Amino acid sequence: MQGSTHQQPEARRERVLPQAGTVLWLLGPTSAGKTTLATRVVADLRAAGLPAILFDGDEVRDFFGDQLGFGADSRLRVVSVLVHLANKAAEAGLNVIVAALTAGEDARDYVRKNVKNLTTGYVACSIQGCAERDPKGLYGKAMRGEIDTLIGYNSAYLPPDNPDFVLDTEKYSLDQLAARIVVTYPRIGGRA
């Protein structure tokens, strides 16, 4: 047929599928700087011509609204949604940055077992440093007794075992940390 855009079967087989992307999972206490760092890394990757997307734990939680509490089951549900989104985006060839608290060992195990092409980055910041930043006012609420579910204040936030990166937001600038990820993380930075 003339003028048809229908491809012959041979042409479809020759099409190259996008290379699978990677997932960098940034975890750390509330107000450590996960979202700020993730946003910067995504911008830097895009500026370098690499497809990248950010999935943030707070955005997923906001999507569900009042359906989710702050218990272990609700926290694991947020993580399971993030894992699903990250894998789908990576399958499509995107480099995925996830910024999420991921405090419980059950959530961390779930991420390790279910995320393909995973690299983990622990965004380290002392709880005092997090409380001083406190952009959402959560530490203030916890200190006043208005909430009792803030991990890091009402219960311990334990650093992950053996993350691929430790990204200390009190010792290093945003520029330094973003550059370290983009330059030294070859699967994202150069897709080696």
Protein backbone atom coordinates (compact mmCIF):
# COMPACT_ATOMS: atom_id res chain seq x y z
CA MET A 1 0.00 0.00 0.00
CA GLN A 2 1.28 3.40 -0.88
CA GLY A 3 1.27 6.03 1.85
CA SER A 4 0.83 3.46 4.60
CA THR A 5 2.97 3.76 7.72
CA HIS A 6 2.48 0.11 8.54
CA GLN A 7 5.88 -1.57 8.96
CA GLN A 8 6.67 -4.92 7.50
CA PRO A 9 7.51 -7.67 10.05
CA GLU A 10 11.20 -7.59 9.07
CA ALA A 11 11.44 -3.87 9.89
CA ARG A 12 9.90 -4.37 13.32
CA ARG A 13 12.40 -7.10 14.18
CA GLU A 14 15.32 -4.85 13.27
CA ARG A 15 14.23 -2.10 15.62
CA VAL A 16 16.57 -1.82 18.60
CA LEU A 17 14.92 -1.81 21.99
CA PRO A 18 16.19 0.76 24.50
CA GLN A 19 18.92 -0.41 26.83
CA ALA A 20 17.55 -1.03 30.31
CA GLY A 21 18.09 1.88 32.65
CA THR A 22 19.42 1.80 36.16
CA VAL A 23 17.96 2.56 39.57
CA LEU A 24 19.75 4.62 42.19
CA TRP A 25 17.83 4.33 45.47
CA LEU A 26 18.64 7.19 47.85
CA LEU A 27 17.60 6.46 51.42
CA GLY A 28 18.13 8.32 54.65
CA PRO A 29 16.32 10.06 57.48
CA THR A 30 13.68 12.73 56.99
CA SER A 31 15.25 16.06 55.94
CA ALA A 32 18.66 14.51 55.16
CA GLY A 33 18.54 15.94 51.63
CA LYS A 34 17.39 12.93 49.57
CA THR A 35 14.93 14.78 47.35
CA THR A 36 17.22 17.79 46.91
CA LEU A 37 20.11 15.55 45.84
CA ALA A 38 17.91 13.36 43.64
CA THR A 39 16.45 16.40 41.87
CA ARG A 40 19.93 17.73 41.17
CA VAL A 41 21.26 14.38 39.89
CA VAL A 42 18.28 14.01 37.54
CA ALA A 43 18.88 17.54 36.20
CA ASP A 44 22.60 16.82 35.70
CA LEU A 45 21.91 13.54 33.91
CA ARG A 46 19.38 15.20 31.62
CA ALA A 47 21.82 18.02 30.90
CA ALA A 48 24.32 15.35 29.84
CA GLY A 49 21.74 13.91 27.44
CA LEU A 50 20.86 10.88 29.58
CA PRO A 51 17.19 10.08 30.17
CA ALA A 52 16.38 10.25 33.88
CA ILE A 53 13.35 10.39 36.16
CA LEU A 54 12.80 10.91 39.89
CA PHE A 55 10.31 9.03 42.04
CA ASP A 56 9.90 10.47 45.52
CA GLY A 57 8.44 8.61 48.49
CA ASP A 58 6.56 11.71 49.68
CA GLU A 59 4.84 12.06 46.30
CA VAL A 60 3.67 8.45 46.40
CA ARG A 61 2.42 8.92 49.96
CA ASP A 62 0.61 12.12 48.93
CA PHE A 63 -1.03 10.27 46.03
CA PHE A 64 -2.63 7.79 48.44
CA GLY A 65 -3.65 10.52 50.89
CA ASP A 66 -5.45 9.37 54.02
CA GLN A 67 -5.42 5.74 52.85
CA LEU A 68 -1.93 5.36 54.29
CA GLY A 69 -0.80 5.71 57.86
CA PHE A 70 2.75 5.71 59.13
CA GLY A 71 2.97 2.12 60.37
CA ALA A 72 5.25 -0.53 58.91
CA ASP A 73 2.56 -1.84 56.52
CA SER A 74 1.90 1.61 55.04
CA ARG A 75 5.60 2.36 54.73
CA LEU A 76 6.15 -0.96 52.94
CA ARG A 77 3.25 -0.19 50.59
CA VAL A 78 4.93 3.08 49.57
CA VAL A 79 8.19 1.21 48.95
CA SER A 80 6.44 -1.48 46.90
CA VAL A 81 4.85 1.18 44.67
CA LEU A 82 8.23 2.88 44.24
CA VAL A 83 9.84 -0.46 43.32
CA HIS A 84 7.16 -1.09 40.69
CA LEU A 85 7.50 2.40 39.19
CA ALA A 86 11.31 2.24 39.22
CA ASN A 87 11.41 -1.12 37.46
CA LYS A 88 8.92 -0.05 34.78
CA ALA A 89 10.83 3.17 34.08
CA ALA A 90 14.18 1.35 33.99
CA GLU A 91 12.75 -1.24 31.58
CA ALA A 92 11.84 1.68 29.31
CA GLY A 93 15.47 2.82 29.30
CA LEU A 94 15.31 5.58 31.89
CA ASN A 95 17.85 6.10 34.64
CA VAL A 96 15.74 6.19 37.78
CA ILE A 97 16.51 8.01 40.98
CA VAL A 98 14.32 7.10 43.96
CA ALA A 99 14.33 9.27 47.08
CA ALA A 100 12.64 7.51 49.99
CA LEU A 101 13.10 7.07 53.74
CA THR A 102 13.27 3.25 53.43
CA ALA A 103 13.90 2.91 57.16
CA GLY A 104 12.74 -0.63 57.90
CA GLU A 105 14.84 -3.68 57.18
CA ASP A 106 11.77 -5.30 55.59
CA ALA A 107 11.57 -2.42 53.11
CA ARG A 108 15.30 -2.53 52.40
CA ASP A 109 15.16 -6.29 51.80
CA TYR A 110 12.19 -5.81 49.47
CA VAL A 111 14.13 -3.21 47.46
CA ARG A 112 17.25 -5.40 47.24
CA LYS A 113 15.26 -8.45 46.14
CA ASN A 114 12.98 -6.72 43.64
CA VAL A 115 14.78 -3.80 41.99
CA LYS A 116 16.75 -4.57 38.85
CA ASN A 117 20.04 -2.74 38.15
CA LEU A 118 20.07 -1.38 41.71
CA THR A 119 22.60 0.92 43.32
CA THR A 120 21.95 2.25 46.82
CA GLY A 121 23.02 5.57 48.23
CA TYR A 122 22.73 6.37 51.93
CA VAL A 123 22.11 10.09 52.33
CA ALA A 124 23.75 10.61 55.71
CA CYS A 125 22.91 13.48 58.02
CA SER A 126 22.79 13.60 61.80
CA ILE A 127 19.32 13.81 63.30
CA GLN A 128 20.35 17.17 64.79
CA GLY A 129 21.26 18.38 61.28
CA CYS A 130 17.98 17.06 59.90
CA ALA A 131 16.03 18.78 62.70
CA GLU A 132 17.79 22.08 61.97
CA ARG A 133 16.78 21.86 58.30
CA ASP A 134 13.24 20.52 58.92
CA PRO A 135 11.62 22.00 55.76
CA LYS A 136 8.31 20.24 56.47
CA GLY A 137 8.26 21.07 60.19
CA LEU A 138 8.07 17.39 61.16
CA TYR A 139 10.83 17.49 63.76
CA GLY A 140 9.18 20.50 65.37
CA LYS A 141 5.88 18.63 65.53
CA ALA A 142 7.60 15.58 67.02
CA MET A 143 9.36 17.71 69.62
CA ARG A 144 6.03 19.28 70.61
CA GLY A 145 4.40 15.84 70.83
CA GLU A 146 2.04 16.52 67.92
CA ILE A 147 3.24 13.42 66.07
CA ASP A 148 4.87 10.27 67.39
CA THR A 149 5.77 8.46 64.16
CA LEU A 150 8.86 10.37 63.00
CA ILE A 151 11.60 7.83 62.39
CA GLY A 152 14.85 9.32 63.56
CA TYR A 153 13.19 11.18 66.39
CA ASN A 154 10.45 8.98 67.85
CA SER A 155 12.32 5.80 66.87
CA ALA A 156 15.84 5.15 65.62
CA TYR A 157 16.82 5.47 61.98
CA LEU A 158 19.47 2.82 61.46
CA PRO A 159 21.91 3.37 58.59
CA PRO A 160 21.78 0.66 55.90
CA ASP A 161 24.38 -2.08 55.75
CA ASN A 162 26.85 -1.74 52.87
CA PRO A 163 25.29 0.94 50.66
CA ASP A 164 27.08 1.56 47.37
CA PHE A 165 27.44 5.24 48.28
CA VAL A 166 27.51 7.15 51.55
CA LEU A 167 26.53 10.71 50.71
CA ASP A 168 27.08 12.95 53.74
CA THR A 169 25.08 16.14 53.28
CA GLU A 170 26.69 17.79 56.31
CA LYS A 171 30.26 17.30 55.07
CA TYR A 172 29.83 17.88 51.34
CA SER A 173 27.98 20.38 49.19
CA LEU A 174 25.14 19.52 46.85
CA ASP A 175 27.48 20.17 43.90
CA GLN A 176 30.11 17.77 45.26
CA LEU A 177 27.63 14.99 46.01
CA ALA A 178 25.80 15.24 42.68
CA ALA A 179 29.09 15.24 40.78
CA ARG A 180 30.26 12.19 42.73
CA ILE A 181 27.15 10.25 41.73
CA VAL A 182 27.17 11.28 38.07
CA VAL A 183 30.92 10.76 37.60
CA THR A 184 31.59 7.67 39.71
CA TYR A 185 28.40 5.75 39.13
CA PRO A 186 29.22 4.35 35.67
CA ARG A 187 25.87 2.69 35.05
CA ILE A 188 24.16 6.08 35.30
CA GLY A 189 27.02 8.38 34.33
CA GLY A 190 28.27 6.44 31.33
CA ARG A 191 26.02 3.42 31.00
CA ALA A 192 29.08 1.19 30.94
